[in-house]
Amino acid sequence: MMLGDYLALAKNAGADIQGWLTQVGPLQAKALEKLAADERISPARAARMAVADFSRFAGEEDWATLISHVRVAADPALACLGAIVDWRLAQKPCAAHQPSKRHHHINS
């Protein structure tokens, strides 16, 4: 299967992207699940967003790392998904993805 195939299947309600990620690495699956819970989205959506973010924001070195993972993998699509999830988990969240914090000002 190709990465696009996994992501297309992940759009279906019954998709088991966590199962695929567990094949890549159980720690990745748990980390993506936590990220998804923190952002109040499904793990499948978090994975799709990771792919979209990677394609938009990853640098040349990130792409080179991805290609090297895919080149030596038994299942290139899963290796690609795993590398992209690793990349996404390593990114610091931007202000738009931070939980809202309310600041209370005390008038003196």
N, C-alpha and C. Protein backbone atom coordinates (compact mmCIF):
# COMPACT_ATOMS: atom_id res chain seq x y z
N MET A 1 0.83 -1.17 0.00
CA MET A 1 0.00 0.00 0.00
C MET A 1 0.88 1.25 0.00
N MET A 2 0.39 2.31 -0.58
CA MET A 2 1.12 3.57 -0.61
C MET A 2 0.57 4.48 0.49
N LEU A 3 1.33 5.53 0.85
CA LEU A 3 0.90 6.44 1.91
C LEU A 3 -0.48 7.01 1.60
N GLY A 4 -0.71 7.40 0.38
CA GLY A 4 -2.02 7.95 -0.01
C GLY A 4 -3.14 6.95 0.25
N ASP A 5 -2.86 5.67 0.06
CA ASP A 5 -3.86 4.64 0.32
C ASP A 5 -4.21 4.58 1.81
N TYR A 6 -3.18 4.64 2.67
CA TYR A 6 -3.43 4.64 4.11
C TYR A 6 -4.25 5.85 4.52
N LEU A 7 -3.88 7.02 3.98
CA LEU A 7 -4.59 8.24 4.36
C LEU A 7 -6.01 8.24 3.82
N ALA A 8 -6.22 7.70 2.64
CA ALA A 8 -7.58 7.60 2.10
C ALA A 8 -8.43 6.68 2.97
N LEU A 9 -7.86 5.57 3.39
CA LEU A 9 -8.59 4.67 4.28
C LEU A 9 -8.85 5.32 5.63
N ALA A 10 -7.92 6.17 6.08
CA ALA A 10 -8.07 6.82 7.37
C ALA A 10 -9.25 7.80 7.38
N LYS A 11 -9.69 8.23 6.21
CA LYS A 11 -10.84 9.13 6.14
C LYS A 11 -12.14 8.40 6.47
N ASN A 12 -12.14 7.08 6.33
CA ASN A 12 -13.32 6.30 6.64
C ASN A 12 -13.47 6.17 8.15
N ALA A 13 -14.70 6.19 8.61
CA ALA A 13 -14.98 6.15 10.05
C ALA A 13 -14.36 4.94 10.73
N GLY A 14 -14.30 3.81 10.05
CA GLY A 14 -13.80 2.59 10.68
C GLY A 14 -12.31 2.38 10.54
N ALA A 15 -11.61 3.35 10.01
CA ALA A 15 -10.17 3.18 9.77
C ALA A 15 -9.41 3.00 11.07
N ASP A 16 -8.37 2.19 11.01
CA ASP A 16 -7.57 1.89 12.19
C ASP A 16 -6.16 2.43 12.02
N ILE A 17 -6.02 3.75 11.96
CA ILE A 17 -4.69 4.34 11.79
C ILE A 17 -3.83 4.05 13.01
N GLN A 18 -4.45 3.90 14.18
CA GLN A 18 -3.68 3.55 15.37
C GLN A 18 -3.04 2.18 15.19
N GLY A 19 -3.74 1.26 14.57
CA GLY A 19 -3.17 -0.05 14.29
C GLY A 19 -1.96 0.04 13.39
N TRP A 20 -2.05 0.90 12.38
CA TRP A 20 -0.92 1.08 11.47
C TRP A 20 0.25 1.71 12.21
N LEU A 21 -0.06 2.71 13.04
CA LEU A 21 1.02 3.36 13.78
C LEU A 21 1.64 2.42 14.80
N THR A 22 0.84 1.54 15.37
CA THR A 22 1.38 0.57 16.31
C THR A 22 2.36 -0.36 15.59
N GLN A 23 2.10 -0.65 14.30
CA GLN A 23 3.05 -1.44 13.52
C GLN A 23 4.36 -0.69 13.36
N VAL A 24 4.28 0.63 13.21
CA VAL A 24 5.48 1.45 13.08
C VAL A 24 6.19 1.52 14.42
N GLY A 25 5.40 1.80 15.46
CA GLY A 25 5.96 1.91 16.80
C GLY A 25 4.88 2.25 17.81
N PRO A 26 4.74 1.45 18.85
CA PRO A 26 3.70 1.69 19.85
C PRO A 26 3.84 3.05 20.53
N LEU A 27 5.06 3.52 20.73
CA LEU A 27 5.25 4.82 21.36
C LEU A 27 4.73 5.94 20.47
N GLN A 28 4.94 5.80 19.16
CA GLN A 28 4.41 6.79 18.22
C GLN A 28 2.89 6.80 18.27
N ALA A 29 2.30 5.63 18.30
CA ALA A 29 0.84 5.55 18.33
C ALA A 29 0.28 6.24 19.57
N LYS A 30 0.89 5.99 20.71
CA LYS A 30 0.44 6.62 21.96
C LYS A 30 0.66 8.12 21.93
N ALA A 31 1.81 8.56 21.40
CA ALA A 31 2.10 9.99 21.33
C ALA A 31 1.13 10.70 20.40
N LEU A 32 0.81 10.08 19.26
CA LEU A 32 -0.14 10.70 18.35
C LEU A 32 -1.54 10.73 18.97
N GLU A 33 -1.88 9.68 19.69
CA GLU A 33 -3.18 9.64 20.37
C GLU A 33 -3.28 10.77 21.39
N LYS A 34 -2.21 11.02 22.13
CA LYS A 34 -2.21 12.12 23.10
C LYS A 34 -2.31 13.46 22.41
N LEU A 35 -1.55 13.64 21.33
CA LEU A 35 -1.61 14.88 20.56
C LEU A 35 -3.04 15.11 20.06
N ALA A 36 -3.65 14.07 19.53
CA ALA A 36 -5.01 14.18 19.03
C ALA A 36 -5.98 14.55 20.15
N ALA A 37 -5.83 13.92 21.29
CA ALA A 37 -6.70 14.22 22.43
C ALA A 37 -6.51 15.66 22.89
N ASP A 38 -5.25 16.12 22.94
CA ASP A 38 -4.98 17.49 23.34
C ASP A 38 -5.61 18.50 22.39
N GLU A 39 -5.65 18.16 21.10
CA GLU A 39 -6.21 19.05 20.10
C GLU A 39 -7.69 18.76 19.83
N ARG A 40 -8.23 17.78 20.55
CA ARG A 40 -9.64 17.40 20.44
C ARG A 40 -10.03 16.97 19.02
N ILE A 41 -9.17 16.13 18.43
CA ILE A 41 -9.43 15.57 17.11
C ILE A 41 -9.14 14.07 17.16
N SER A 42 -9.54 13.37 16.13
CA SER A 42 -9.27 11.93 16.09
C SER A 42 -7.81 11.68 15.73
N PRO A 43 -7.26 10.54 16.12
CA PRO A 43 -5.90 10.20 15.72
C PRO A 43 -5.73 10.16 14.20
N ALA A 44 -6.76 9.70 13.48
CA ALA A 44 -6.68 9.67 12.02
C ALA A 44 -6.54 11.09 11.46
N ARG A 45 -7.31 12.01 12.01
CA ARG A 45 -7.22 13.40 11.55
C ARG A 45 -5.86 13.99 11.91
N ALA A 46 -5.36 13.67 13.10
CA ALA A 46 -4.05 14.16 13.51
C ALA A 46 -2.97 13.66 12.55
N ALA A 47 -3.08 12.41 12.11
CA ALA A 47 -2.11 11.86 11.16
C ALA A 47 -2.22 12.58 9.81
N ARG A 48 -3.44 12.81 9.34
CA ARG A 48 -3.62 13.52 8.08
C ARG A 48 -3.08 14.94 8.18
N MET A 49 -3.31 15.59 9.32
CA MET A 49 -2.79 16.94 9.52
C MET A 49 -1.26 16.93 9.57
N ALA A 50 -0.69 15.89 10.15
CA ALA A 50 0.77 15.78 10.20
C ALA A 50 1.34 15.71 8.79
N VAL A 51 0.69 14.94 7.94
CA VAL A 51 1.15 14.83 6.55
C VAL A 51 1.03 16.18 5.85
N ALA A 52 -0.09 16.86 6.05
CA ALA A 52 -0.28 18.17 5.43
C ALA A 52 0.76 19.17 5.94
N ASP A 53 0.99 19.18 7.25
CA ASP A 53 1.99 20.09 7.82
C ASP A 53 3.39 19.77 7.28
N PHE A 54 3.69 18.49 7.18
CA PHE A 54 5.00 18.10 6.68
C PHE A 54 5.19 18.61 5.25
N SER A 55 4.19 18.40 4.42
CA SER A 55 4.33 18.82 3.02
C SER A 55 4.46 20.33 2.89
N ARG A 56 3.89 21.08 3.83
CA ARG A 56 3.95 22.54 3.78
C ARG A 56 5.17 23.13 4.47
N PHE A 57 5.62 22.52 5.58
CA PHE A 57 6.61 23.18 6.42
C PHE A 57 7.95 22.46 6.59
N ALA A 58 8.04 21.21 6.17
CA ALA A 58 9.29 20.47 6.37
C ALA A 58 10.41 21.05 5.51
N GLY A 59 11.59 21.07 6.10
CA GLY A 59 12.77 21.57 5.38
C GLY A 59 13.44 20.47 4.57
N GLU A 60 14.48 20.87 3.86
CA GLU A 60 15.20 19.91 3.02
C GLU A 60 15.76 18.75 3.82
N GLU A 61 16.29 19.03 5.01
CA GLU A 61 16.85 17.96 5.84
C GLU A 61 15.75 16.99 6.29
N ASP A 62 14.57 17.53 6.58
CA ASP A 62 13.44 16.68 6.98
C ASP A 62 13.05 15.75 5.83
N TRP A 63 13.01 16.29 4.61
CA TRP A 63 12.68 15.47 3.44
C TRP A 63 13.76 14.41 3.20
N ALA A 64 15.01 14.77 3.38
CA ALA A 64 16.10 13.81 3.20
C ALA A 64 15.98 12.67 4.20
N THR A 65 15.64 13.01 5.45
CA THR A 65 15.45 11.99 6.48
C THR A 65 14.29 11.08 6.11
N LEU A 66 13.21 11.67 5.64
CA LEU A 66 12.04 10.88 5.23
C LEU A 66 12.42 9.90 4.12
N ILE A 67 13.10 10.39 3.11
CA ILE A 67 13.48 9.53 1.99
C ILE A 67 14.39 8.40 2.44
N SER A 68 15.32 8.68 3.36
CA SER A 68 16.22 7.61 3.83
C SER A 68 15.46 6.55 4.61
N HIS A 69 14.43 6.95 5.38
CA HIS A 69 13.60 5.98 6.10
C HIS A 69 12.83 5.10 5.11
N VAL A 70 12.26 5.73 4.12
CA VAL A 70 11.42 5.02 3.15
C VAL A 70 12.25 4.07 2.30
N ARG A 71 13.45 4.49 1.94
CA ARG A 71 14.30 3.71 1.04
C ARG A 71 14.65 2.34 1.61
N VAL A 72 14.84 2.25 2.92
CA VAL A 72 15.30 0.99 3.52
C VAL A 72 14.18 0.20 4.20
N ALA A 73 12.96 0.69 4.13
CA ALA A 73 11.86 0.07 4.87
C ALA A 73 11.25 -1.11 4.13
N ALA A 74 10.79 -2.08 4.90
CA ALA A 74 10.06 -3.21 4.33
C ALA A 74 8.71 -2.74 3.80
N ASP A 75 8.08 -1.79 4.51
CA ASP A 75 6.81 -1.21 4.08
C ASP A 75 7.01 0.30 3.98
N PRO A 76 7.33 0.80 2.79
CA PRO A 76 7.64 2.22 2.63
C PRO A 76 6.53 3.16 3.09
N ALA A 77 5.28 2.78 2.88
CA ALA A 77 4.18 3.67 3.28
C ALA A 77 4.13 3.82 4.79
N LEU A 78 4.27 2.72 5.51
CA LEU A 78 4.26 2.81 6.98
C LEU A 78 5.49 3.56 7.48
N ALA A 79 6.63 3.34 6.84
CA ALA A 79 7.84 4.07 7.23
C ALA A 79 7.67 5.56 7.00
N CYS A 80 7.04 5.92 5.90
CA CYS A 80 6.78 7.32 5.59
C CYS A 80 5.85 7.92 6.63
N LEU A 81 4.76 7.24 6.93
CA LEU A 81 3.82 7.72 7.94
C LEU A 81 4.52 7.86 9.29
N GLY A 82 5.33 6.88 9.65
CA GLY A 82 6.05 6.94 10.92
C GLY A 82 7.02 8.11 10.99
N ALA A 83 7.75 8.35 9.91
CA ALA A 83 8.70 9.46 9.88
C ALA A 83 7.98 10.80 9.97
N ILE A 84 6.85 10.91 9.29
CA ILE A 84 6.08 12.16 9.32
C ILE A 84 5.49 12.39 10.71
N VAL A 85 4.99 11.35 11.33
CA VAL A 85 4.45 11.49 12.68
C VAL A 85 5.56 11.88 13.65
N ASP A 86 6.74 11.26 13.51
CA ASP A 86 7.88 11.65 14.35
C ASP A 86 8.20 13.13 14.17
N TRP A 87 8.22 13.57 12.92
CA TRP A 87 8.50 14.97 12.64
C TRP A 87 7.46 15.88 13.30
N ARG A 88 6.19 15.52 13.15
CA ARG A 88 5.12 16.34 13.72
C ARG A 88 5.20 16.40 15.24
N LEU A 89 5.49 15.27 15.86
CA LEU A 89 5.58 15.22 17.32
C LEU A 89 6.76 16.04 17.83
N ALA A 90 7.78 16.21 17.01
CA ALA A 90 8.95 16.98 17.42
C ALA A 90 8.75 18.49 17.28
N GLN A 91 7.69 18.90 16.58
CA GLN A 91 7.45 20.32 16.36
C GLN A 91 6.82 20.96 17.59
N LYS A 92 7.18 22.20 17.83
CA LYS A 92 6.55 22.95 18.91
C LYS A 92 5.22 23.48 18.38
N PRO A 93 4.17 23.39 19.18
CA PRO A 93 2.88 23.88 18.68
C PRO A 93 2.90 25.40 18.49
N CYS A 94 2.21 25.84 17.47
CA CYS A 94 2.10 27.28 17.23
C CYS A 94 0.97 27.84 18.11
N ALA A 95 0.84 29.14 18.13
CA ALA A 95 -0.17 29.78 18.97
C ALA A 95 -1.58 29.29 18.64
N ALA A 96 -1.83 28.99 17.37
CA ALA A 96 -3.16 28.53 16.96
C ALA A 96 -3.49 27.15 17.53
N HIS A 97 -2.46 26.38 17.92
CA HIS A 97 -2.69 25.04 18.44
C HIS A 97 -2.43 24.94 19.94
N GLN A 98 -2.25 26.06 20.60
CA GLN A 98 -2.08 26.08 22.05
C GLN A 98 -3.44 26.10 22.71
N PRO A 99 -3.58 25.42 23.83
CA PRO A 99 -4.84 25.54 24.56
C PRO A 99 -5.03 26.99 24.97
N SER A 100 -6.26 27.46 24.90
CA SER A 100 -6.48 28.86 25.24
C SER A 100 -6.24 29.07 26.73
N LYS A 101 -5.58 30.16 27.02
CA LYS A 101 -5.26 30.51 28.40
C LYS A 101 -5.92 31.84 28.69
N ARG A 102 -6.62 31.88 29.75
CA ARG A 102 -7.27 33.12 30.13
C ARG A 102 -6.42 33.84 31.14
N HIS A 103 -6.21 35.09 30.89
CA HIS A 103 -5.44 35.92 31.80
C HIS A 103 -6.40 36.86 32.52
N HIS A 104 -6.32 36.85 33.80
CA HIS A 104 -7.16 37.74 34.59
C HIS A 104 -6.31 38.91 35.05
N HIS A 105 -6.78 40.08 34.75
CA HIS A 105 -6.07 41.29 35.16
C HIS A 105 -6.77 41.88 36.37
N ILE A 106 -5.98 42.24 37.32
CA ILE A 106 -6.54 42.86 38.52
C ILE A 106 -6.33 44.36 38.40
N ASN A 107 -7.41 45.09 38.49
CA ASN A 107 -7.31 46.55 38.44
C ASN A 107 -6.89 47.05 39.81
N SER A 108 -5.88 47.94 39.83
CA SER A 108 -5.45 48.47 41.12
C SER A 108 -6.03 49.82 41.39
